[in-house]
Amino acid sequence: MTKPHHKLSVWKKAIDFVKRIYQITGDFPSEEKFGMVSQMRRSAISIASNISEGAGRNNKKEFNQFLGIAQGSSAELETQLIISCELGFLTNQMANELIKDLDEISKMIIGLQYKISE
């Protein structure tokens, strides 16, 4: 049985983004394992998790609420990417690429919120 969120392109894109965050943060300094690395991974996971949890809820209002939480996690992760760049853990190019992809996910979430509000 296919779950409702498995059909959502934004959920699939968020899953791929989580994998990228895991790969990239694997190269961060070991002393950041319980700091920035953990926080960034949790934020990335939260985006995909809240999309799926919202899709599994009983009504559009609840779904929209969880999409809002996913948006918040997206903003949080953007901040963490900027900080990681400023601390020298990421190059400007890498941070910009990740932020661009994160912006695309954010726009897809907004589009989904608009669609379910119709």
C-alpha atoms as a PDB file:
ATOM      1  CA  MET A   1       0.000   0.000   0.000  1.00  0.00           C
ATOM      2  CA  THR A   2       1.401   3.354  -1.050  1.00  0.00           C
ATOM      3  CA  LYS A   3       1.335   6.035   1.608  1.00  0.00           C
ATOM      4  CA  PRO A   4      -0.029   9.475   0.625  1.00  0.00           C
ATOM      5  CA  HIS A   5       3.312  11.219   1.134  1.00  0.00           C
ATOM      6  CA  HIS A   6       5.136   8.771  -1.148  1.00  0.00           C
ATOM      7  CA  LYS A   7       3.359  10.431  -4.080  1.00  0.00           C
ATOM      8  CA  LEU A   8       4.534  13.944  -3.165  1.00  0.00           C
ATOM      9  CA  SER A   9       7.495  15.229  -5.167  1.00  0.00           C
ATOM     10  CA  VAL A  10       8.351  17.665  -2.356  1.00  0.00           C
ATOM     11  CA  TRP A  11       8.661  14.750   0.089  1.00  0.00           C
ATOM     12  CA  LYS A  12      10.948  12.877  -2.321  1.00  0.00           C
ATOM     13  CA  LYS A  13      13.078  15.975  -2.797  1.00  0.00           C
ATOM     14  CA  ALA A  14      13.254  16.477   0.981  1.00  0.00           C
ATOM     15  CA  ILE A  15      14.426  12.862   1.429  1.00  0.00           C
ATOM     16  CA  ASP A  16      17.188  13.409  -1.138  1.00  0.00           C
ATOM     17  CA  PHE A  17      18.154  16.614   0.671  1.00  0.00           C
ATOM     18  CA  VAL A  18      18.473  14.748   3.974  1.00  0.00           C
ATOM     19  CA  LYS A  19      20.913  12.345   2.327  1.00  0.00           C
ATOM     20  CA  ARG A  20      22.993  15.258   1.041  1.00  0.00           C
ATOM     21  CA  ILE A  21      23.074  16.890   4.464  1.00  0.00           C
ATOM     22  CA  TYR A  22      24.254  13.613   6.013  1.00  0.00           C
ATOM     23  CA  GLN A  23      27.018  13.283   3.416  1.00  0.00           C
ATOM     24  CA  ILE A  24      28.176  16.872   3.728  1.00  0.00           C
ATOM     25  CA  THR A  25      28.107  17.047   7.523  1.00  0.00           C
ATOM     26  CA  GLY A  26      30.127  13.834   7.650  1.00  0.00           C
ATOM     27  CA  ASP A  27      33.098  16.010   6.684  1.00  0.00           C
ATOM     28  CA  PHE A  28      32.551  18.548   9.474  1.00  0.00           C
ATOM     29  CA  PRO A  29      35.040  18.641  12.380  1.00  0.00           C
ATOM     30  CA  SER A  30      34.522  15.801  14.857  1.00  0.00           C
ATOM     31  CA  GLU A  31      33.951  18.259  17.720  1.00  0.00           C
ATOM     32  CA  GLU A  32      30.787  19.402  15.873  1.00  0.00           C
ATOM     33  CA  LYS A  33      29.230  15.918  15.977  1.00  0.00           C
ATOM     34  CA  PHE A  34      26.918  16.844  18.857  1.00  0.00           C
ATOM     35  CA  GLY A  35      26.582  20.489  17.828  1.00  0.00           C
ATOM     36  CA  MET A  36      26.122  21.730  14.304  1.00  0.00           C
ATOM     37  CA  VAL A  37      26.100  18.282  12.671  1.00  0.00           C
ATOM     38  CA  SER A  38      23.351  16.963  14.922  1.00  0.00           C
ATOM     39  CA  GLN A  39      21.284  20.142  14.601  1.00  0.00           C
ATOM     40  CA  MET A  40      21.528  20.281  10.811  1.00  0.00           C
ATOM     41  CA  ARG A  41      20.608  16.638  10.443  1.00  0.00           C
ATOM     42  CA  ARG A  42      17.608  17.023  12.756  1.00  0.00           C
ATOM     43  CA  SER A  43      16.412  20.088  10.843  1.00  0.00           C
ATOM     44  CA  ALA A  44      16.692  18.312   7.495  1.00  0.00           C
ATOM     45  CA  ILE A  45      14.904  15.236   8.814  1.00  0.00           C
ATOM     46  CA  SER A  46      12.196  17.449  10.291  1.00  0.00           C
ATOM     47  CA  ILE A  47      11.320  18.854   6.867  1.00  0.00           C
ATOM     48  CA  ALA A  48      10.635  15.433   5.334  1.00  0.00           C
ATOM     49  CA  SER A  49       9.066  14.067   8.520  1.00  0.00           C
ATOM     50  CA  ASN A  50       6.569  16.899   8.886  1.00  0.00           C
ATOM     51  CA  ILE A  51       5.540  16.646   5.244  1.00  0.00           C
ATOM     52  CA  SER A  52       4.822  12.944   5.713  1.00  0.00           C
ATOM     53  CA  GLU A  53       3.108  13.388   9.064  1.00  0.00           C
ATOM     54  CA  GLY A  54       0.879  16.114   7.669  1.00  0.00           C
ATOM     55  CA  ALA A  55      -0.034  14.030   4.629  1.00  0.00           C
ATOM     56  CA  GLY A  56      -1.072  11.227   6.966  1.00  0.00           C
ATOM     57  CA  ARG A  57      -3.413  13.436   8.988  1.00  0.00           C
ATOM     58  CA  ASN A  58      -7.187  13.491   8.754  1.00  0.00           C
ATOM     59  CA  ASN A  59      -7.813  16.892   7.233  1.00  0.00           C
ATOM     60  CA  LYS A  60      -6.303  19.689   5.175  1.00  0.00           C
ATOM     61  CA  LYS A  61      -6.031  22.058   8.139  1.00  0.00           C
ATOM     62  CA  GLU A  62      -3.760  19.629  10.006  1.00  0.00           C
ATOM     63  CA  PHE A  63      -1.769  18.959   6.841  1.00  0.00           C
ATOM     64  CA  ASN A  64      -1.245  22.695   6.379  1.00  0.00           C
ATOM     65  CA  GLN A  65      -0.105  23.021   9.995  1.00  0.00           C
ATOM     66  CA  PHE A  66       2.579  20.346   9.506  1.00  0.00           C
ATOM     67  CA  LEU A  67       3.678  21.965   6.250  1.00  0.00           C
ATOM     68  CA  GLY A  68       4.140  25.168   8.253  1.00  0.00           C
ATOM     69  CA  ILE A  69       6.374  23.298  10.676  1.00  0.00           C
ATOM     70  CA  ALA A  70       8.359  21.928   7.718  1.00  0.00           C
ATOM     71  CA  GLN A  71       8.778  25.530   6.502  1.00  0.00           C
ATOM     72  CA  GLY A  72      10.116  26.505   9.916  1.00  0.00           C
ATOM     73  CA  SER A  73      12.643  23.682   9.802  1.00  0.00           C
ATOM     74  CA  SER A  74      13.671  24.835   6.337  1.00  0.00           C
ATOM     75  CA  ALA A  75      14.358  28.356   7.654  1.00  0.00           C
ATOM     76  CA  GLU A  76      16.278  26.876  10.585  1.00  0.00           C
ATOM     77  CA  LEU A  77      18.431  24.774   8.263  1.00  0.00           C
ATOM     78  CA  GLU A  78      19.141  27.751   6.018  1.00  0.00           C
ATOM     79  CA  THR A  79      20.493  29.605   9.056  1.00  0.00           C
ATOM     80  CA  GLN A  80      22.642  26.619   9.998  1.00  0.00           C
ATOM     81  CA  LEU A  81      24.048  26.469   6.459  1.00  0.00           C
ATOM     82  CA  ILE A  82      24.966  30.155   6.604  1.00  0.00           C
ATOM     83  CA  ILE A  83      26.639  29.695   9.994  1.00  0.00           C
ATOM     84  CA  SER A  84      28.498  26.608   8.749  1.00  0.00           C
ATOM     85  CA  CYS A  85      29.805  28.623   5.826  1.00  0.00           C
ATOM     86  CA  GLU A  86      30.891  31.505   8.053  1.00  0.00           C
ATOM     87  CA  LEU A  87      32.687  29.051  10.360  1.00  0.00           C
ATOM     88  CA  GLY A  88      34.510  27.573   7.370  1.00  0.00           C
ATOM     89  CA  PHE A  89      32.823  24.165   7.479  1.00  0.00           C
ATOM     90  CA  LEU A  90      31.325  24.746   4.011  1.00  0.00           C
ATOM     91  CA  THR A  91      32.591  26.659   1.012  1.00  0.00           C
ATOM     92  CA  ASN A  92      30.510  29.582  -0.215  1.00  0.00           C
ATOM     93  CA  GLN A  93      29.716  27.623  -3.364  1.00  0.00           C
ATOM     94  CA  MET A  94      28.515  24.563  -1.444  1.00  0.00           C
ATOM     95  CA  ALA A  95      26.430  26.637   0.964  1.00  0.00           C
ATOM     96  CA  ASN A  96      24.865  28.567  -1.918  1.00  0.00           C
ATOM     97  CA  GLU A  97      24.016  25.355  -3.795  1.00  0.00           C
ATOM     98  CA  LEU A  98      22.406  23.850  -0.710  1.00  0.00           C
ATOM     99  CA  ILE A  99      20.467  27.029   0.065  1.00  0.00           C
ATOM    100  CA  LYS A 100      19.239  27.151  -3.540  1.00  0.00           C
ATOM    101  CA  ASP A 101      17.980  23.564  -3.275  1.00  0.00           C
ATOM    102  CA  LEU A 102      16.444  24.286   0.117  1.00  0.00           C
ATOM    103  CA  ASP A 103      14.678  27.326  -1.361  1.00  0.00           C
ATOM    104  CA  GLU A 104      13.219  25.085  -4.047  1.00  0.00           C
ATOM    105  CA  ILE A 105      11.864  22.718  -1.381  1.00  0.00           C
ATOM    106  CA  SER A 106      10.441  25.694   0.500  1.00  0.00           C
ATOM    107  CA  LYS A 107       8.692  26.954  -2.631  1.00  0.00           C
ATOM    108  CA  MET A 108       7.268  23.480  -3.235  1.00  0.00           C
ATOM    109  CA  ILE A 109       5.910  23.423   0.318  1.00  0.00           C
ATOM    110  CA  ILE A 110       4.287  26.823  -0.234  1.00  0.00           C
ATOM    111  CA  GLY A 111       2.784  25.542  -3.478  1.00  0.00           C
ATOM    112  CA  LEU A 112       1.411  22.491  -1.690  1.00  0.00           C
ATOM    113  CA  GLN A 113      -0.052  24.692   1.051  1.00  0.00           C
ATOM    114  CA  TYR A 114      -1.735  26.792  -1.591  1.00  0.00           C
ATOM    115  CA  LYS A 115      -3.081  23.695  -3.377  1.00  0.00           C
ATOM    116  CA  ILE A 116      -4.595  22.128  -0.267  1.00  0.00           C
ATOM    117  CA  SER A 117      -6.136  25.449   0.757  1.00  0.00           C
ATOM    118  CA  GLU A 118      -8.187  25.718  -2.445  1.00  0.00           C
END
